[in-house]
Amino acid sequence: MGIFGDHWKDHDEKIYRAWMEKVKEDDLVLIPGD
């Protein structure tokens, strides 16, 4: 995903860390595509 900028490097790990910090088991997460 680096074609979109250096900030995309290891973006899946960034998402995982943020998700684990914020989202609880009884929450709902909406993922609108891609």
PDB file of all heavy atoms in Angstrom:
ATOM      1  N   MET A   1       0.824  -1.209   0.000  1.00  0.00           N
ATOM      2  CA  MET A   1       0.000   0.000   0.000  1.00  0.00           C
ATOM      3  C   MET A   1       0.859   1.261   0.000  1.00  0.00           C
ATOM      4  O   MET A   1       0.351   2.367   0.087  1.00  0.00           O
ATOM      5  CB  MET A   1      -0.913  -0.003   1.228  1.00  0.00           C
ATOM      6  CG  MET A   1      -2.014  -1.049   1.176  1.00  0.00           C
ATOM      7  SD  MET A   1      -3.203  -0.768  -0.155  1.00  0.00           S
ATOM      8  CE  MET A   1      -4.012   0.714   0.434  1.00  0.00           C
ATOM      9  N   GLY A   2       2.184   1.080  -0.105  1.00  0.00           N
ATOM     10  CA  GLY A   2       3.081   2.223  -0.067  1.00  0.00           C
ATOM     11  C   GLY A   2       2.891   3.219  -1.185  1.00  0.00           C
ATOM     12  O   GLY A   2       3.334   4.369  -1.075  1.00  0.00           O
ATOM     13  N   ILE A   3       2.220   2.800  -2.260  1.00  0.00           N
ATOM     14  CA  ILE A   3       1.971   3.745  -3.356  1.00  0.00           C
ATOM     15  C   ILE A   3       1.108   4.908  -2.895  1.00  0.00           C
ATOM     16  O   ILE A   3       1.075   5.959  -3.540  1.00  0.00           O
ATOM     17  CB  ILE A   3       1.308   3.049  -4.564  1.00  0.00           C
ATOM     18  CG1 ILE A   3      -0.021   2.398  -4.166  1.00  0.00           C
ATOM     19  CG2 ILE A   3       2.238   2.016  -5.174  1.00  0.00           C
ATOM     20  CD1 ILE A   3      -0.811   1.864  -5.351  1.00  0.00           C
ATOM     21  N   PHE A   4       0.403   4.722  -1.793  1.00  0.00           N
ATOM     22  CA  PHE A   4      -0.440   5.783  -1.243  1.00  0.00           C
ATOM     23  C   PHE A   4       0.276   6.592  -0.168  1.00  0.00           C
ATOM     24  O   PHE A   4      -0.331   7.443   0.473  1.00  0.00           O
ATOM     25  CB  PHE A   4      -1.732   5.197  -0.677  1.00  0.00           C
ATOM     26  CG  PHE A   4      -2.625   4.586  -1.720  1.00  0.00           C
ATOM     27  CD1 PHE A   4      -2.842   3.224  -1.753  1.00  0.00           C
ATOM     28  CD2 PHE A   4      -3.241   5.370  -2.677  1.00  0.00           C
ATOM     29  CE1 PHE A   4      -3.663   2.650  -2.708  1.00  0.00           C
ATOM     30  CE2 PHE A   4      -4.070   4.810  -3.642  1.00  0.00           C
ATOM     31  CZ  PHE A   4      -4.273   3.453  -3.662  1.00  0.00           C
ATOM     32  N   GLY A   5       1.551   6.319   0.049  1.00  0.00           N
ATOM     33  CA  GLY A   5       2.322   7.092   1.017  1.00  0.00           C
ATOM     34  C   GLY A   5       2.966   6.216   2.073  1.00  0.00           C
ATOM     35  O   GLY A   5       2.518   5.095   2.351  1.00  0.00           O
ATOM     36  N   ASP A   6       4.037   6.745   2.683  1.00  0.00           N
ATOM     37  CA  ASP A   6       4.774   5.989   3.699  1.00  0.00           C
ATOM     38  C   ASP A   6       3.921   5.670   4.919  1.00  0.00           C
ATOM     39  O   ASP A   6       4.211   4.708   5.648  1.00  0.00           O
ATOM     40  CB  ASP A   6       6.016   6.786   4.138  1.00  0.00           C
ATOM     41  CG  ASP A   6       7.051   6.897   3.031  1.00  0.00           C
ATOM     42  OD1 ASP A   6       7.004   6.080   2.087  1.00  0.00           O
ATOM     43  OD2 ASP A   6       7.894   7.813   3.103  1.00  0.00           O
ATOM     44  N   HIS A   7       2.887   6.473   5.172  1.00  0.00           N
ATOM     45  CA  HIS A   7       2.052   6.236   6.344  1.00  0.00           C
ATOM     46  C   HIS A   7       1.274   4.923   6.241  1.00  0.00           C
ATOM     47  O   HIS A   7       0.737   4.447   7.237  1.00  0.00           O
ATOM     48  CB  HIS A   7       1.096   7.409   6.572  1.00  0.00           C
ATOM     49  CG  HIS A   7       0.167   7.679   5.426  1.00  0.00           C
ATOM     50  ND1 HIS A   7       0.601   8.050   4.180  1.00  0.00           N
ATOM     51  CD2 HIS A   7      -1.188   7.638   5.348  1.00  0.00           C
ATOM     52  CE1 HIS A   7      -0.432   8.216   3.370  1.00  0.00           C
ATOM     53  NE2 HIS A   7      -1.525   7.973   4.060  1.00  0.00           N
ATOM     54  N   TRP A   8       1.225   4.326   5.029  1.00  0.00           N
ATOM     55  CA  TRP A   8       0.550   3.043   4.866  1.00  0.00           C
ATOM     56  C   TRP A   8       1.434   1.865   5.266  1.00  0.00           C
ATOM     57  O   TRP A   8       0.974   0.728   5.293  1.00  0.00           O
ATOM     58  CB  TRP A   8       0.095   2.863   3.418  1.00  0.00           C
ATOM     59  CG  TRP A   8      -1.210   3.523   3.106  1.00  0.00           C
ATOM     60  CD1 TRP A   8      -1.397   4.784   2.598  1.00  0.00           C
ATOM     61  CD2 TRP A   8      -2.520   2.965   3.276  1.00  0.00           C
ATOM     62  NE1 TRP A   8      -2.737   5.037   2.440  1.00  0.00           N
ATOM     63  CE2 TRP A   8      -3.448   3.944   2.843  1.00  0.00           C
ATOM     64  CE3 TRP A   8      -2.994   1.744   3.742  1.00  0.00           C
ATOM     65  CZ2 TRP A   8      -4.820   3.725   2.874  1.00  0.00           C
ATOM     66  CZ3 TRP A   8      -4.356   1.523   3.764  1.00  0.00           C
ATOM     67  CH2 TRP A   8      -5.259   2.503   3.335  1.00  0.00           C
ATOM     68  N   LYS A   9       2.706   2.100   5.558  1.00  0.00           N
ATOM     69  CA  LYS A   9       3.597   1.013   5.938  1.00  0.00           C
ATOM     70  C   LYS A   9       3.082   0.323   7.200  1.00  0.00           C
ATOM     71  O   LYS A   9       2.774   0.983   8.194  1.00  0.00           O
ATOM     72  CB  LYS A   9       5.013   1.549   6.172  1.00  0.00           C
ATOM     73  CG  LYS A   9       6.025   0.470   6.563  1.00  0.00           C
ATOM     74  CD  LYS A   9       7.414   1.059   6.689  1.00  0.00           C
ATOM     75  CE  LYS A   9       8.410   0.031   7.228  1.00  0.00           C
ATOM     76  NZ  LYS A   9       8.474  -1.194   6.394  1.00  0.00           N
ATOM     77  N   ASP A  10       2.956  -0.991   7.136  1.00  0.00           N
ATOM     78  CA  ASP A  10       2.450  -1.792   8.269  1.00  0.00           C
ATOM     79  C   ASP A  10       1.100  -1.280   8.765  1.00  0.00           C
ATOM     80  O   ASP A  10       0.804  -1.282   9.968  1.00  0.00           O
ATOM     81  CB  ASP A  10       3.461  -1.779   9.421  1.00  0.00           C
ATOM     82  CG  ASP A  10       4.805  -2.381   9.023  1.00  0.00           C
ATOM     83  OD1 ASP A  10       4.814  -3.334   8.232  1.00  0.00           O
ATOM     84  OD2 ASP A  10       5.837  -1.873   9.499  1.00  0.00           O
ATOM     85  N   HIS A  11       0.256  -0.865   7.827  1.00  0.00           N
ATOM     86  CA  HIS A  11      -1.033  -0.275   8.218  1.00  0.00           C
ATOM     87  C   HIS A  11      -1.919  -1.285   8.934  1.00  0.00           C
ATOM     88  O   HIS A  11      -2.711  -0.919   9.806  1.00  0.00           O
ATOM     89  CB  HIS A  11      -1.760   0.287   6.993  1.00  0.00           C
ATOM     90  CG  HIS A  11      -2.418  -0.767   6.145  1.00  0.00           C
ATOM     91  ND1 HIS A  11      -1.708  -1.614   5.312  1.00  0.00           N
ATOM     92  CD2 HIS A  11      -3.727  -1.128   6.022  1.00  0.00           C
ATOM     93  CE1 HIS A  11      -2.546  -2.438   4.698  1.00  0.00           C
ATOM     94  NE2 HIS A  11      -3.770  -2.170   5.101  1.00  0.00           N
ATOM     95  N   ASP A  12      -1.787  -2.578   8.596  1.00  0.00           N
ATOM     96  CA  ASP A  12      -2.611  -3.579   9.270  1.00  0.00           C
ATOM     97  C   ASP A  12      -2.262  -3.685  10.747  1.00  0.00           C
ATOM     98  O   ASP A  12      -3.144  -3.888  11.598  1.00  0.00           O
ATOM     99  CB  ASP A  12      -2.475  -4.940   8.587  1.00  0.00           C
ATOM    100  CG  ASP A  12      -1.028  -5.383   8.419  1.00  0.00           C
ATOM    101  OD1 ASP A  12      -0.123  -4.547   8.548  1.00  0.00           O
ATOM    102  OD2 ASP A  12      -0.818  -6.587   8.153  1.00  0.00           O
ATOM    103  N   GLU A  13      -0.993  -3.511  11.071  1.00  0.00           N
ATOM    104  CA  GLU A  13      -0.584  -3.536  12.475  1.00  0.00           C
ATOM    105  C   GLU A  13      -1.101  -2.305  13.215  1.00  0.00           C
ATOM    106  O   GLU A  13      -1.499  -2.395  14.387  1.00  0.00           O
ATOM    107  CB  GLU A  13       0.936  -3.616  12.575  1.00  0.00           C
ATOM    108  CG  GLU A  13       1.514  -4.905  12.004  1.00  0.00           C
ATOM    109  CD  GLU A  13       3.026  -4.957  12.108  1.00  0.00           C
ATOM    110  OE1 GLU A  13       3.597  -4.140  12.867  1.00  0.00           O
ATOM    111  OE2 GLU A  13       3.636  -5.811  11.435  1.00  0.00           O
ATOM    112  N   LYS A  14      -1.112  -1.160  12.533  1.00  0.00           N
ATOM    113  CA  LYS A  14      -1.648   0.057  13.142  1.00  0.00           C
ATOM    114  C   LYS A  14      -3.135  -0.109  13.447  1.00  0.00           C
ATOM    115  O   LYS A  14      -3.612   0.283  14.522  1.00  0.00           O
ATOM    116  CB  LYS A  14      -1.438   1.256  12.210  1.00  0.00           C
ATOM    117  CG  LYS A  14       0.012   1.610  11.955  1.00  0.00           C
ATOM    118  CD  LYS A  14       0.105   2.752  10.955  1.00  0.00           C
ATOM    119  CE  LYS A  14       1.548   3.070  10.595  1.00  0.00           C
ATOM    120  NZ  LYS A  14       1.641   4.146   9.566  1.00  0.00           N
ATOM    121  N   ILE A  15      -3.856  -0.676  12.488  1.00  0.00           N
ATOM    122  CA  ILE A  15      -5.289  -0.901  12.683  1.00  0.00           C
ATOM    123  C   ILE A  15      -5.520  -1.856  13.853  1.00  0.00           C
ATOM    124  O   ILE A  15      -6.385  -1.620  14.703  1.00  0.00           O
ATOM    125  CB  ILE A  15      -5.931  -1.455  11.394  1.00  0.00           C
ATOM    126  CG1 ILE A  15      -5.930  -0.380  10.298  1.00  0.00           C
ATOM    127  CG2 ILE A  15      -7.352  -1.955  11.660  1.00  0.00           C
ATOM    128  CD1 ILE A  15      -6.330  -0.893   8.930  1.00  0.00           C
ATOM    129  N   TYR A  16      -4.735  -2.927  13.908  1.00  0.00           N
ATOM    130  CA  TYR A  16      -4.890  -3.912  14.983  1.00  0.00           C
ATOM    131  C   TYR A  16      -4.677  -3.275  16.358  1.00  0.00           C
ATOM    132  O   TYR A  16      -5.490  -3.466  17.278  1.00  0.00           O
ATOM    133  CB  TYR A  16      -3.905  -5.061  14.774  1.00  0.00           C
ATOM    134  CG  TYR A  16      -3.928  -6.087  15.877  1.00  0.00           C
ATOM    135  CD1 TYR A  16      -4.920  -7.064  15.926  1.00  0.00           C
ATOM    136  CD2 TYR A  16      -2.966  -6.065  16.886  1.00  0.00           C
ATOM    137  CE1 TYR A  16      -4.952  -7.999  16.950  1.00  0.00           C
ATOM    138  CE2 TYR A  16      -2.990  -6.995  17.915  1.00  0.00           C
ATOM    139  CZ  TYR A  16      -3.990  -7.963  17.944  1.00  0.00           C
ATOM    140  OH  TYR A  16      -4.028  -8.875  18.955  1.00  0.00           O
ATOM    141  N   ARG A  17      -3.604  -2.509  16.489  1.00  0.00           N
ATOM    142  CA  ARG A  17      -3.311  -1.895  17.790  1.00  0.00           C
ATOM    143  C   ARG A  17      -4.413  -0.927  18.211  1.00  0.00           C
ATOM    144  O   ARG A  17      -4.859  -0.942  19.369  1.00  0.00           O
ATOM    145  CB  ARG A  17      -1.961  -1.172  17.732  1.00  0.00           C
ATOM    146  CG  ARG A  17      -0.758  -2.108  17.655  1.00  0.00           C
ATOM    147  CD  ARG A  17       0.531  -1.352  17.975  1.00  0.00           C
ATOM    148  NE  ARG A  17       0.785  -0.273  17.023  1.00  0.00           N
ATOM    149  CZ  ARG A  17       1.495  -0.414  15.911  1.00  0.00           C
ATOM    150  NH1 ARG A  17       2.030  -1.587  15.602  1.00  0.00           N
ATOM    151  NH2 ARG A  17       1.703   0.629  15.114  1.00  0.00           N
ATOM    152  N   ALA A  18      -4.850  -0.086  17.287  1.00  0.00           N
ATOM    153  CA  ALA A  18      -5.896   0.893  17.609  1.00  0.00           C
ATOM    154  C   ALA A  18      -7.208   0.191  17.940  1.00  0.00           C
ATOM    155  O   ALA A  18      -7.919   0.581  18.880  1.00  0.00           O
ATOM    156  CB  ALA A  18      -6.078   1.863  16.447  1.00  0.00           C
ATOM    157  N   TRP A  19      -7.535  -0.828  17.165  1.00  0.00           N
ATOM    158  CA  TRP A  19      -8.770  -1.595  17.394  1.00  0.00           C
ATOM    159  C   TRP A  19      -8.763  -2.213  18.788  1.00  0.00           C
ATOM    160  O   TRP A  19      -9.745  -2.116  19.529  1.00  0.00           O
ATOM    161  CB  TRP A  19      -8.876  -2.678  16.326  1.00  0.00           C
ATOM    162  CG  TRP A  19     -10.200  -3.382  16.230  1.00  0.00           C
ATOM    163  CD1 TRP A  19     -10.863  -4.035  17.231  1.00  0.00           C
ATOM    164  CD2 TRP A  19     -11.007  -3.504  15.047  1.00  0.00           C
ATOM    165  NE1 TRP A  19     -12.023  -4.575  16.767  1.00  0.00           N
ATOM    166  CE2 TRP A  19     -12.148  -4.270  15.429  1.00  0.00           C
ATOM    167  CE3 TRP A  19     -10.886  -3.089  13.737  1.00  0.00           C
ATOM    168  CZ2 TRP A  19     -13.142  -4.607  14.526  1.00  0.00           C
ATOM    169  CZ3 TRP A  19     -11.879  -3.421  12.835  1.00  0.00           C
ATOM    170  CH2 TRP A  19     -12.997  -4.163  13.223  1.00  0.00           C
ATOM    171  N   MET A  20      -7.661  -2.839  19.142  1.00  0.00           N
ATOM    172  CA  MET A  20      -7.573  -3.510  20.441  1.00  0.00           C
ATOM    173  C   MET A  20      -7.656  -2.518  21.594  1.00  0.00           C
ATOM    174  O   MET A  20      -8.169  -2.847  22.672  1.00  0.00           O
ATOM    175  CB  MET A  20      -6.279  -4.313  20.524  1.00  0.00           C
ATOM    176  CG  MET A  20      -6.192  -5.465  19.534  1.00  0.00           C
ATOM    177  SD  MET A  20      -7.504  -6.700  19.726  1.00  0.00           S
ATOM    178  CE  MET A  20      -7.058  -7.423  21.312  1.00  0.00           C
ATOM    179  N   GLU A  21      -7.171  -1.315  21.394  1.00  0.00           N
ATOM    180  CA  GLU A  21      -7.229  -0.293  22.435  1.00  0.00           C
ATOM    181  C   GLU A  21      -8.629   0.276  22.620  1.00  0.00           C
ATOM    182  O   GLU A  21      -9.009   0.639  23.737  1.00  0.00           O
ATOM    183  CB  GLU A  21      -6.270   0.855  22.091  1.00  0.00           C
ATOM    184  CG  GLU A  21      -4.797   0.505  22.208  1.00  0.00           C
ATOM    185  CD  GLU A  21      -3.907   1.629  21.724  1.00  0.00           C
ATOM    186  OE1 GLU A  21      -4.444   2.701  21.354  1.00  0.00           O
ATOM    187  OE2 GLU A  21      -2.677   1.447  21.716  1.00  0.00           O
ATOM    188  N   LYS A  22      -9.407   0.324  21.547  1.00  0.00           N
ATOM    189  CA  LYS A  22     -10.685   1.030  21.586  1.00  0.00           C
ATOM    190  C   LYS A  22     -11.911   0.130  21.701  1.00  0.00           C
ATOM    191  O   LYS A  22     -12.842   0.419  22.464  1.00  0.00           O
ATOM    192  CB  LYS A  22     -10.835   1.880  20.311  1.00  0.00           C
ATOM    193  CG  LYS A  22      -9.907   3.070  20.223  1.00  0.00           C
ATOM    194  CD  LYS A  22     -10.189   3.864  18.951  1.00  0.00           C
ATOM    195  CE  LYS A  22      -9.434   5.173  18.911  1.00  0.00           C
ATOM    196  NZ  LYS A  22      -9.750   5.968  17.696  1.00  0.00           N
ATOM    197  N   VAL A  23     -11.946  -0.928  20.921  1.00  0.00           N
ATOM    198  CA  VAL A  23     -13.182  -1.694  20.741  1.00  0.00           C
ATOM    199  C   VAL A  23     -13.327  -2.786  21.795  1.00  0.00           C
ATOM    200  O   VAL A  23     -12.392  -3.541  22.061  1.00  0.00           O
ATOM    201  CB  VAL A  23     -13.225  -2.315  19.326  1.00  0.00           C
ATOM    202  CG1 VAL A  23     -14.526  -3.099  19.130  1.00  0.00           C
ATOM    203  CG2 VAL A  23     -13.086  -1.228  18.254  1.00  0.00           C
ATOM    204  N   LYS A  24     -14.539  -2.864  22.378  1.00  0.00           N
ATOM    205  CA  LYS A  24     -14.865  -3.895  23.361  1.00  0.00           C
ATOM    206  C   LYS A  24     -15.747  -4.961  22.706  1.00  0.00           C
ATOM    207  O   LYS A  24     -16.323  -4.756  21.637  1.00  0.00           O
ATOM    208  CB  LYS A  24     -15.578  -3.276  24.566  1.00  0.00           C
ATOM    209  CG  LYS A  24     -14.816  -2.116  25.213  1.00  0.00           C
ATOM    210  CD  LYS A  24     -13.436  -2.511  25.673  1.00  0.00           C
ATOM    211  CE  LYS A  24     -12.708  -1.347  26.318  1.00  0.00           C
ATOM    212  NZ  LYS A  24     -11.304  -1.688  26.669  1.00  0.00           N
ATOM    213  N   GLU A  25     -15.886  -6.082  23.397  1.00  0.00           N
ATOM    214  CA  GLU A  25     -16.598  -7.226  22.817  1.00  0.00           C
ATOM    215  C   GLU A  25     -18.061  -6.923  22.479  1.00  0.00           C
ATOM    216  O   GLU A  25     -18.611  -7.479  21.540  1.00  0.00           O
ATOM    217  CB  GLU A  25     -16.526  -8.435  23.755  1.00  0.00           C
ATOM    218  CG  GLU A  25     -15.197  -9.147  23.736  1.00  0.00           C
ATOM    219  CD  GLU A  25     -14.843  -9.774  22.395  1.00  0.00           C
ATOM    220  OE1 GLU A  25     -15.751  -9.969  21.557  1.00  0.00           O
ATOM    221  OE2 GLU A  25     -13.661 -10.066  22.177  1.00  0.00           O
ATOM    222  N   ASP A  26     -18.703  -6.044  23.263  1.00  0.00           N
ATOM    223  CA  ASP A  26     -20.112  -5.769  23.008  1.00  0.00           C
ATOM    224  C   ASP A  26     -20.322  -4.552  22.113  1.00  0.00           C
ATOM    225  O   ASP A  26     -21.442  -4.059  21.966  1.00  0.00           O
ATOM    226  CB  ASP A  26     -20.879  -5.593  24.317  1.00  0.00           C
ATOM    227  CG  ASP A  26     -20.304  -4.480  25.187  1.00  0.00           C
ATOM    228  OD1 ASP A  26     -19.208  -3.976  24.860  1.00  0.00           O
ATOM    229  OD2 ASP A  26     -20.963  -4.102  26.179  1.00  0.00           O
ATOM    230  N   ASP A  27     -19.252  -4.058  21.489  1.00  0.00           N
ATOM    231  CA  ASP A  27     -19.349  -2.945  20.540  1.00  0.00           C
ATOM    232  C   ASP A  27     -19.671  -3.461  19.145  1.00  0.00           C
ATOM    233  O   ASP A  27     -19.585  -4.663  18.862  1.00  0.00           O
ATOM    234  CB  ASP A  27     -18.036  -2.160  20.496  1.00  0.00           C
ATOM    235  CG  ASP A  27     -17.782  -1.364  21.769  1.00  0.00           C
ATOM    236  OD1 ASP A  27     -18.721  -1.193  22.565  1.00  0.00           O
ATOM    237  OD2 ASP A  27     -16.640  -0.913  21.960  1.00  0.00           O
ATOM    238  N   LEU A  28     -20.011  -2.521  18.254  1.00  0.00           N
ATOM    239  CA  LEU A  28     -20.285  -2.823  16.854  1.00  0.00           C
ATOM    240  C   LEU A  28     -19.338  -2.000  15.992  1.00  0.00           C
ATOM    241  O   LEU A  28     -19.163  -0.808  16.211  1.00  0.00           O
ATOM    242  CB  LEU A  28     -21.736  -2.484  16.503  1.00  0.00           C
ATOM    243  CG  LEU A  28     -22.153  -2.620  15.026  1.00  0.00           C
ATOM    244  CD1 LEU A  28     -22.067  -4.075  14.582  1.00  0.00           C
ATOM    245  CD2 LEU A  28     -23.567  -2.071  14.820  1.00  0.00           C
ATOM    246  N   VAL A  29     -18.723  -2.654  14.988  1.00  0.00           N
ATOM    247  CA  VAL A  29     -17.814  -1.966  14.074  1.00  0.00           C
ATOM    248  C   VAL A  29     -18.342  -2.097  12.644  1.00  0.00           C
ATOM    249  O   VAL A  29     -18.615  -3.207  12.177  1.00  0.00           O
ATOM    250  CB  VAL A  29     -16.385  -2.530  14.155  1.00  0.00           C
ATOM    251  CG1 VAL A  29     -15.445  -1.710  13.272  1.00  0.00           C
ATOM    252  CG2 VAL A  29     -15.886  -2.532  15.597  1.00  0.00           C
ATOM    253  N   LEU A  30     -18.470  -0.973  11.964  1.00  0.00           N
ATOM    254  CA  LEU A  30     -18.940  -0.931  10.577  1.00  0.00           C
ATOM    255  C   LEU A  30     -17.746  -0.761   9.648  1.00  0.00           C
ATOM    256  O   LEU A  30     -16.939   0.149   9.829  1.00  0.00           O
ATOM    257  CB  LEU A  30     -19.926   0.223  10.392  1.00  0.00           C
ATOM    258  CG  LEU A  30     -21.073   0.313  11.416  1.00  0.00           C
ATOM    259  CD1 LEU A  30     -21.973   1.499  11.091  1.00  0.00           C
ATOM    260  CD2 LEU A  30     -21.870  -0.982  11.454  1.00  0.00           C
ATOM    261  N   ILE A  31     -17.640  -1.625   8.633  1.00  0.00           N
ATOM    262  CA  ILE A  31     -16.515  -1.594   7.689  1.00  0.00           C
ATOM    263  C   ILE A  31     -17.084  -1.466   6.279  1.00  0.00           C
ATOM    264  O   ILE A  31     -17.458  -2.466   5.646  1.00  0.00           O
ATOM    265  CB  ILE A  31     -15.642  -2.853   7.812  1.00  0.00           C
ATOM    266  CG1 ILE A  31     -15.233  -3.095   9.273  1.00  0.00           C
ATOM    267  CG2 ILE A  31     -14.403  -2.731   6.922  1.00  0.00           C
ATOM    268  CD1 ILE A  31     -14.408  -4.344   9.483  1.00  0.00           C
ATOM    269  N   PRO A  32     -17.151  -0.233   5.738  1.00  0.00           N
ATOM    270  CA  PRO A  32     -17.781  -0.014   4.441  1.00  0.00           C
ATOM    271  C   PRO A  32     -16.848  -0.203   3.245  1.00  0.00           C
ATOM    272  O   PRO A  32     -16.544   0.725   2.500  1.00  0.00           O
ATOM    273  CB  PRO A  32     -18.255   1.441   4.549  1.00  0.00           C
ATOM    274  CG  PRO A  32     -17.231   2.090   5.415  1.00  0.00           C
ATOM    275  CD  PRO A  32     -16.817   1.035   6.410  1.00  0.00           C
ATOM    276  N   GLY A  33     -16.400  -1.421   3.045  1.00  0.00           N
ATOM    277  CA  GLY A  33     -15.744  -1.763   1.799  1.00  0.00           C
ATOM    278  C   GLY A  33     -14.240  -1.690   1.740  1.00  0.00           C
ATOM    279  O   GLY A  33     -13.588  -1.103   2.586  1.00  0.00           O
ATOM    280  N   ASP A  34     -13.710  -2.306   0.664  1.00  0.00           N
ATOM    281  CA  ASP A  34     -12.270  -2.495   0.447  1.00  0.00           C
ATOM    282  C   ASP A  34     -11.644  -3.135   1.682  1.00  0.00           C
ATOM    283  O   ASP A  34     -10.764  -2.584   2.338  1.00  0.00           O
ATOM    284  CB  ASP A  34     -11.591  -1.185   0.076  1.00  0.00           C
ATOM    285  CG  ASP A  34     -11.808  -0.836  -1.396  1.00  0.00           C
ATOM    286  OD1 ASP A  34     -12.575  -1.553  -2.065  1.00  0.00           O
ATOM    287  OD2 ASP A  34     -11.211   0.135  -1.875  1.00  0.00           O
TER     288      ASP A  34
END
